[in-house]
Amino acid sequence: MGEVRIEKDEKGDASTFQWQDMLRGDLMLMSLKTHRYLFVDPSAGSLCSANSAGCRPDRKDGSCFAWTKAEGLK
């Protein structure tokens, strides 16, 4: 496990993720540098890495994230 930071990079590769909508209110983020998905171990707390090959069919392995629309932000 490691630490994933989204920072400005001169080349843009290390901090660029592709958003993949899973069509059930969840998404996956693929690192364009490693071509692996952002992963958070559900039992490890806040540690994460970008080394998941994908998600399980039940989507409970830590590579799918739920999202909702933020209201009231300008």
PDB file of N, CA and C in Angstrom:
ATOM      1  N   MET A   1       0.843  -1.175   0.000  1.00  0.00           N
ATOM      2  CA  MET A   1       0.000   0.000   0.000  1.00  0.00           C
ATOM      3  C   MET A   1       0.888   1.238   0.000  1.00  0.00           C
ATOM      4  N   GLY A   2       0.398   2.283  -0.563  1.00  0.00           N
ATOM      5  CA  GLY A   2       1.166   3.511  -0.637  1.00  0.00           C
ATOM      6  C   GLY A   2       0.282   4.720  -0.479  1.00  0.00           C
ATOM      7  N   GLU A   3       0.739   5.813  -1.005  1.00  0.00           N
ATOM      8  CA  GLU A   3       0.006   7.063  -0.917  1.00  0.00           C
ATOM      9  C   GLU A   3      -0.180   7.588  -2.329  1.00  0.00           C
ATOM     10  N   VAL A   4      -1.384   7.945  -2.661  1.00  0.00           N
ATOM     11  CA  VAL A   4      -1.681   8.501  -3.974  1.00  0.00           C
ATOM     12  C   VAL A   4      -1.945   9.983  -3.793  1.00  0.00           C
ATOM     13  N   ARG A   5      -1.211  10.808  -4.520  1.00  0.00           N
ATOM     14  CA  ARG A   5      -1.386  12.252  -4.469  1.00  0.00           C
ATOM     15  C   ARG A   5      -1.714  12.751  -5.862  1.00  0.00           C
ATOM     16  N   ILE A   6      -2.633  13.660  -5.922  1.00  0.00           N
ATOM     17  CA  ILE A   6      -2.949  14.303  -7.192  1.00  0.00           C
ATOM     18  C   ILE A   6      -2.334  15.690  -7.129  1.00  0.00           C
ATOM     19  N   GLU A   7      -1.250  15.863  -7.862  1.00  0.00           N
ATOM     20  CA  GLU A   7      -0.487  17.102  -7.851  1.00  0.00           C
ATOM     21  C   GLU A   7      -0.214  17.550  -9.275  1.00  0.00           C
ATOM     22  N   LYS A   8       0.152  18.798  -9.396  1.00  0.00           N
ATOM     23  CA  LYS A   8       0.567  19.307 -10.699  1.00  0.00           C
ATOM     24  C   LYS A   8       1.891  18.654 -11.074  1.00  0.00           C
ATOM     25  N   ASP A   9       1.968  18.163 -12.300  1.00  0.00           N
ATOM     26  CA  ASP A   9       3.169  17.509 -12.799  1.00  0.00           C
ATOM     27  C   ASP A   9       3.478  18.116 -14.168  1.00  0.00           C
ATOM     28  N   GLU A  10       4.736  18.385 -14.443  1.00  0.00           N
ATOM     29  CA  GLU A  10       5.118  18.987 -15.716  1.00  0.00           C
ATOM     30  C   GLU A  10       4.634  18.147 -16.908  1.00  0.00           C
ATOM     31  N   LYS A  11       4.765  16.841 -16.811  1.00  0.00           N
ATOM     32  CA  LYS A  11       4.349  15.953 -17.895  1.00  0.00           C
ATOM     33  C   LYS A  11       2.878  15.584 -17.791  1.00  0.00           C
ATOM     34  N   GLY A  12       2.326  15.631 -16.584  1.00  0.00           N
ATOM     35  CA  GLY A  12       0.911  15.342 -16.394  1.00  0.00           C
ATOM     36  C   GLY A  12       0.590  13.869 -16.235  1.00  0.00           C
ATOM     37  N   ASP A  13       1.542  12.970 -16.452  1.00  0.00           N
ATOM     38  CA  ASP A  13       1.248  11.545 -16.443  1.00  0.00           C
ATOM     39  C   ASP A  13       0.993  10.984 -15.046  1.00  0.00           C
ATOM     40  N   ALA A  14       1.782  11.368 -14.081  1.00  0.00           N
ATOM     41  CA  ALA A  14       1.722  10.753 -12.762  1.00  0.00           C
ATOM     42  C   ALA A  14       0.438  11.069 -12.018  1.00  0.00           C
ATOM     43  N   SER A  15      -0.198  12.191 -12.319  1.00  0.00           N
ATOM     44  CA  SER A  15      -1.376  12.605 -11.577  1.00  0.00           C
ATOM     45  C   SER A  15      -2.640  12.607 -12.427  1.00  0.00           C
ATOM     46  N   THR A  16      -2.622  11.971 -13.562  1.00  0.00           N
ATOM     47  CA  THR A  16      -3.780  11.972 -14.446  1.00  0.00           C
ATOM     48  C   THR A  16      -4.533  10.662 -14.330  1.00  0.00           C
ATOM     49  N   PHE A  17      -5.835  10.777 -14.050  1.00  0.00           N
ATOM     50  CA  PHE A  17      -6.689   9.608 -13.923  1.00  0.00           C
ATOM     51  C   PHE A  17      -7.840   9.703 -14.909  1.00  0.00           C
ATOM     52  N   GLN A  18      -8.227   8.580 -15.438  1.00  0.00           N
ATOM     53  CA  GLN A  18      -9.383   8.507 -16.327  1.00  0.00           C
ATOM     54  C   GLN A  18     -10.573   8.051 -15.502  1.00  0.00           C
ATOM     55  N   TRP A  19     -11.665   8.774 -15.604  1.00  0.00           N
ATOM     56  CA  TRP A  19     -12.905   8.484 -14.891  1.00  0.00           C
ATOM     57  C   TRP A  19     -13.676   7.440 -15.677  1.00  0.00           C
ATOM     58  N   GLN A  20     -14.102   6.364 -15.038  1.00  0.00           N
ATOM     59  CA  GLN A  20     -14.914   5.346 -15.690  1.00  0.00           C
ATOM     60  C   GLN A  20     -16.212   5.203 -14.910  1.00  0.00           C
ATOM     61  N   ASP A  21     -17.326   5.639 -15.493  1.00  0.00           N
ATOM     62  CA  ASP A  21     -18.639   5.558 -14.855  1.00  0.00           C
ATOM     63  C   ASP A  21     -19.140   4.126 -14.955  1.00  0.00           C
ATOM     64  N   MET A  22     -19.474   3.530 -13.806  1.00  0.00           N
ATOM     65  CA  MET A  22     -19.911   2.136 -13.765  1.00  0.00           C
ATOM     66  C   MET A  22     -21.431   1.995 -13.897  1.00  0.00           C
ATOM     67  N   LEU A  23     -22.140   3.123 -14.101  1.00  0.00           N
ATOM     68  CA  LEU A  23     -23.575   3.178 -14.405  1.00  0.00           C
ATOM     69  C   LEU A  23     -24.491   2.733 -13.270  1.00  0.00           C
ATOM     70  N   ARG A  24     -23.994   2.634 -12.049  1.00  0.00           N
ATOM     71  CA  ARG A  24     -24.827   2.321 -10.887  1.00  0.00           C
ATOM     72  C   ARG A  24     -24.564   3.298  -9.757  1.00  0.00           C
ATOM     73  N   GLY A  25     -24.139   4.516 -10.096  1.00  0.00           N
ATOM     74  CA  GLY A  25     -23.801   5.506  -9.089  1.00  0.00           C
ATOM     75  C   GLY A  25     -22.417   5.308  -8.512  1.00  0.00           C
ATOM     76  N   ASP A  26     -21.591   4.523  -9.183  1.00  0.00           N
ATOM     77  CA  ASP A  26     -20.219   4.339  -8.732  1.00  0.00           C
ATOM     78  C   ASP A  26     -19.265   4.545  -9.909  1.00  0.00           C
ATOM     79  N   LEU A  27     -17.986   4.683  -9.601  1.00  0.00           N
ATOM     80  CA  LEU A  27     -16.998   4.943 -10.638  1.00  0.00           C
ATOM     81  C   LEU A  27     -15.677   4.302 -10.271  1.00  0.00           C
ATOM     82  N   MET A  28     -14.813   4.223 -11.261  1.00  0.00           N
ATOM     83  CA  MET A  28     -13.440   3.763 -11.055  1.00  0.00           C
ATOM     84  C   MET A  28     -12.520   4.823 -11.648  1.00  0.00           C
ATOM     85  N   LEU A  29     -11.328   4.974 -11.071  1.00  0.00           N
ATOM     86  CA  LEU A  29     -10.340   5.929 -11.559  1.00  0.00           C
ATOM     87  C   LEU A  29      -9.087   5.168 -11.985  1.00  0.00           C
ATOM     88  N   MET A  30      -8.753   5.260 -13.274  1.00  0.00           N
ATOM     89  CA  MET A  30      -7.586   4.555 -13.793  1.00  0.00           C
ATOM     90  C   MET A  30      -6.425   5.522 -13.964  1.00  0.00           C
ATOM     91  N   SER A  31      -5.272   5.169 -13.407  1.00  0.00           N
ATOM     92  CA  SER A  31      -4.064   5.955 -13.573  1.00  0.00           C
ATOM     93  C   SER A  31      -3.582   5.832 -15.012  1.00  0.00           C
ATOM     94  N   LEU A  32      -3.364   6.963 -15.663  1.00  0.00           N
ATOM     95  CA  LEU A  32      -2.867   6.908 -17.036  1.00  0.00           C
ATOM     96  C   LEU A  32      -1.369   6.617 -17.093  1.00  0.00           C
ATOM     97  N   LYS A  33      -0.714   6.642 -15.937  1.00  0.00           N
ATOM     98  CA  LYS A  33       0.704   6.268 -15.896  1.00  0.00           C
ATOM     99  C   LYS A  33       0.866   4.758 -15.780  1.00  0.00           C
ATOM    100  N   THR A  34       0.098   4.112 -14.893  1.00  0.00           N
ATOM    101  CA  THR A  34       0.256   2.679 -14.643  1.00  0.00           C
ATOM    102  C   THR A  34      -0.793   1.814 -15.349  1.00  0.00           C
ATOM    103  N   HIS A  35      -1.854   2.430 -15.846  1.00  0.00           N
ATOM    104  CA  HIS A  35      -2.985   1.717 -16.441  1.00  0.00           C
ATOM    105  C   HIS A  35      -3.606   0.740 -15.441  1.00  0.00           C
ATOM    106  N   ARG A  36      -3.552   1.114 -14.180  1.00  0.00           N
ATOM    107  CA  ARG A  36      -4.180   0.369 -13.084  1.00  0.00           C
ATOM    108  C   ARG A  36      -5.160   1.295 -12.397  1.00  0.00           C
ATOM    109  N   TYR A  37      -6.078   0.706 -11.629  1.00  0.00           N
ATOM    110  CA  TYR A  37      -7.134   1.478 -10.994  1.00  0.00           C
ATOM    111  C   TYR A  37      -6.783   1.873  -9.571  1.00  0.00           C
ATOM    112  N   LEU A  38      -7.272   3.049  -9.164  1.00  0.00           N
ATOM    113  CA  LEU A  38      -7.124   3.502  -7.797  1.00  0.00           C
ATOM    114  C   LEU A  38      -7.843   2.520  -6.887  1.00  0.00           C
ATOM    115  N   PHE A  39      -7.203   2.169  -5.792  1.00  0.00           N
ATOM    116  CA  PHE A  39      -7.695   1.106  -4.918  1.00  0.00           C
ATOM    117  C   PHE A  39      -7.534   1.539  -3.464  1.00  0.00           C
ATOM    118  N   VAL A  40      -8.580   1.365  -2.675  1.00  0.00           N
ATOM    119  CA  VAL A  40      -8.525   1.613  -1.240  1.00  0.00           C
ATOM    120  C   VAL A  40      -8.927   0.317  -0.560  1.00  0.00           C
ATOM    121  N   ASP A  41      -8.050  -0.214   0.257  1.00  0.00           N
ATOM    122  CA  ASP A  41      -8.358  -1.440   0.992  1.00  0.00           C
ATOM    123  C   ASP A  41      -9.412  -1.108   2.039  1.00  0.00           C
ATOM    124  N   PRO A  42     -10.611  -1.681   1.937  1.00  0.00           N
ATOM    125  CA  PRO A  42     -11.690  -1.345   2.876  1.00  0.00           C
ATOM    126  C   PRO A  42     -11.331  -1.590   4.343  1.00  0.00           C
ATOM    127  N   SER A  43     -10.428  -2.501   4.614  1.00  0.00           N
ATOM    128  CA  SER A  43     -10.080  -2.797   6.002  1.00  0.00           C
ATOM    129  C   SER A  43      -8.833  -2.054   6.479  1.00  0.00           C
ATOM    130  N   ALA A  44      -8.199  -1.263   5.615  1.00  0.00           N
ATOM    131  CA  ALA A  44      -6.949  -0.600   5.977  1.00  0.00           C
ATOM    132  C   ALA A  44      -7.127   0.871   6.334  1.00  0.00           C
ATOM    133  N   GLY A  45      -8.319   1.407   6.249  1.00  0.00           N
ATOM    134  CA  GLY A  45      -8.509   2.820   6.563  1.00  0.00           C
ATOM    135  C   GLY A  45      -8.249   3.707   5.379  1.00  0.00           C
ATOM    136  N   SER A  46      -7.297   4.638   5.502  1.00  0.00           N
ATOM    137  CA  SER A  46      -7.095   5.641   4.467  1.00  0.00           C
ATOM    138  C   SER A  46      -5.965   5.331   3.487  1.00  0.00           C
ATOM    139  N   LEU A  47      -5.282   4.218   3.620  1.00  0.00           N
ATOM    140  CA  LEU A  47      -4.203   3.889   2.693  1.00  0.00           C
ATOM    141  C   LEU A  47      -4.766   3.521   1.330  1.00  0.00           C
ATOM    142  N   CYS A  48      -4.085   3.930   0.289  1.00  0.00           N
ATOM    143  CA  CYS A  48      -4.558   3.596  -1.055  1.00  0.00           C
ATOM    144  C   CYS A  48      -3.366   3.470  -1.997  1.00  0.00           C
ATOM    145  N   SER A  49      -3.629   2.900  -3.154  1.00  0.00           N
ATOM    146  CA  SER A  49      -2.617   2.758  -4.186  1.00  0.00           C
ATOM    147  C   SER A  49      -3.323   2.780  -5.533  1.00  0.00           C
ATOM    148  N   ALA A  50      -2.569   2.806  -6.578  1.00  0.00           N
ATOM    149  CA  ALA A  50      -3.134   2.764  -7.924  1.00  0.00           C
ATOM    150  C   ALA A  50      -2.598   1.519  -8.614  1.00  0.00           C
ATOM    151  N   ASN A  51      -2.895   0.352  -8.032  1.00  0.00           N
ATOM    152  CA  ASN A  51      -2.366  -0.886  -8.612  1.00  0.00           C
ATOM    153  C   ASN A  51      -3.405  -1.995  -8.742  1.00  0.00           C
ATOM    154  N   SER A  52      -4.671  -1.663  -8.736  1.00  0.00           N
ATOM    155  CA  SER A  52      -5.716  -2.669  -8.897  1.00  0.00           C
ATOM    156  C   SER A  52      -5.928  -2.982 -10.376  1.00  0.00           C
ATOM    157  N   ALA A  53      -6.072  -4.242 -10.701  1.00  0.00           N
ATOM    158  CA  ALA A  53      -6.327  -4.640 -12.086  1.00  0.00           C
ATOM    159  C   ALA A  53      -7.779  -4.394 -12.498  1.00  0.00           C
ATOM    160  N   GLY A  54      -8.658  -4.208 -11.535  1.00  0.00           N
ATOM    161  CA  GLY A  54     -10.074  -3.976 -11.812  1.00  0.00           C
ATOM    162  C   GLY A  54     -10.899  -4.328 -10.599  1.00  0.00           C
ATOM    163  N   CYS A  55     -12.201  -4.382 -10.787  1.00  0.00           N
ATOM    164  CA  CYS A  55     -13.061  -4.674  -9.638  1.00  0.00           C
ATOM    165  C   CYS A  55     -13.689  -6.058  -9.746  1.00  0.00           C
ATOM    166  N   ARG A  56     -14.112  -6.567  -8.593  1.00  0.00           N
ATOM    167  CA  ARG A  56     -14.853  -7.826  -8.555  1.00  0.00           C
ATOM    168  C   ARG A  56     -16.278  -7.566  -9.016  1.00  0.00           C
ATOM    169  N   PRO A  57     -17.019  -8.593  -9.418  1.00  0.00           N
ATOM    170  CA  PRO A  57     -18.399  -8.391  -9.848  1.00  0.00           C
ATOM    171  C   PRO A  57     -19.288  -7.753  -8.781  1.00  0.00           C
ATOM    172  N   ASP A  58     -19.025  -7.999  -7.501  1.00  0.00           N
ATOM    173  CA  ASP A  58     -19.844  -7.383  -6.451  1.00  0.00           C
ATOM    174  C   ASP A  58     -19.408  -5.960  -6.123  1.00  0.00           C
ATOM    175  N   ARG A  59     -18.311  -5.493  -6.713  1.00  0.00           N
ATOM    176  CA  ARG A  59     -17.799  -4.128  -6.584  1.00  0.00           C
ATOM    177  C   ARG A  59     -17.465  -3.740  -5.140  1.00  0.00           C
ATOM    178  N   LYS A  60     -17.102  -4.701  -4.324  1.00  0.00           N
ATOM    179  CA  LYS A  60     -16.791  -4.427  -2.926  1.00  0.00           C
ATOM    180  C   LYS A  60     -15.331  -4.710  -2.594  1.00  0.00           C
ATOM    181  N   ASP A  61     -14.452  -4.520  -3.564  1.00  0.00           N
ATOM    182  CA  ASP A  61     -13.034  -4.799  -3.336  1.00  0.00           C
ATOM    183  C   ASP A  61     -12.187  -3.545  -3.133  1.00  0.00           C
ATOM    184  N   GLY A  62     -12.797  -2.379  -3.161  1.00  0.00           N
ATOM    185  CA  GLY A  62     -12.060  -1.144  -2.913  1.00  0.00           C
ATOM    186  C   GLY A  62     -11.660  -0.365  -4.143  1.00  0.00           C
ATOM    187  N   SER A  63     -12.011  -0.822  -5.351  1.00  0.00           N
ATOM    188  CA  SER A  63     -11.646  -0.078  -6.550  1.00  0.00           C
ATOM    189  C   SER A  63     -12.824   0.681  -7.157  1.00  0.00           C
ATOM    190  N   CYS A  64     -14.023   0.514  -6.607  1.00  0.00           N
ATOM    191  CA  CYS A  64     -15.198   1.275  -7.045  1.00  0.00           C
ATOM    192  C   CYS A  64     -15.563   2.278  -5.960  1.00  0.00           C
ATOM    193  N   PHE A  65     -15.857   3.483  -6.374  1.00  0.00           N
ATOM    194  CA  PHE A  65     -16.195   4.554  -5.453  1.00  0.00           C
ATOM    195  C   PHE A  65     -17.595   5.070  -5.748  1.00  0.00           C
ATOM    196  N   ALA A  66     -18.387   5.278  -4.703  1.00  0.00           N
ATOM    197  CA  ALA A  66     -19.714   5.869  -4.857  1.00  0.00           C
ATOM    198  C   ALA A  66     -19.566   7.372  -5.020  1.00  0.00           C
ATOM    199  N   TRP A  67     -20.466   7.988  -5.778  1.00  0.00           N
ATOM    200  CA  TRP A  67     -20.417   9.428  -5.942  1.00  0.00           C
ATOM    201  C   TRP A  67     -21.824   9.994  -5.964  1.00  0.00           C
ATOM    202  N   THR A  68     -21.932  11.224  -5.545  1.00  0.00           N
ATOM    203  CA  THR A  68     -23.190  11.952  -5.598  1.00  0.00           C
ATOM    204  C   THR A  68     -22.908  13.383  -6.067  1.00  0.00           C
ATOM    205  N   LYS A  69     -23.901  14.010  -6.595  1.00  0.00           N
ATOM    206  CA  LYS A  69     -23.751  15.375  -7.060  1.00  0.00           C
ATOM    207  C   LYS A  69     -23.692  16.309  -5.851  1.00  0.00           C
ATOM    208  N   ALA A  70     -22.723  17.197  -5.861  1.00  0.00           N
ATOM    209  CA  ALA A  70     -22.585  18.181  -4.776  1.00  0.00           C
ATOM    210  C   ALA A  70     -23.550  19.328  -5.040  1.00  0.00           C
ATOM    211  N   GLU A  71     -24.353  19.665  -4.080  1.00  0.00           N
ATOM    212  CA  GLU A  71     -25.321  20.741  -4.208  1.00  0.00           C
ATOM    213  C   GLU A  71     -24.792  22.000  -3.523  1.00  0.00           C
ATOM    214  N   GLY A  72     -25.090  23.144  -4.088  1.00  0.00           N
ATOM    215  CA  GLY A  72     -24.774  24.414  -3.452  1.00  0.00           C
ATOM    216  C   GLY A  72     -23.358  24.913  -3.653  1.00  0.00           C
ATOM    217  N   LEU A  73     -22.542  24.247  -4.452  1.00  0.00           N
ATOM    218  CA  LEU A  73     -21.181  24.718  -4.715  1.00  0.00           C
ATOM    219  C   LEU A  73     -21.191  25.646  -5.913  1.00  0.00           C
ATOM    220  N   LYS A  74     -20.409  26.701  -5.815  1.00  0.00           N
ATOM    221  CA  LYS A  74     -20.336  27.654  -6.941  1.00  0.00           C
ATOM    222  C   LYS A  74     -18.923  27.773  -7.427  1.00  0.00           C
TER     223      LYS A  74
END
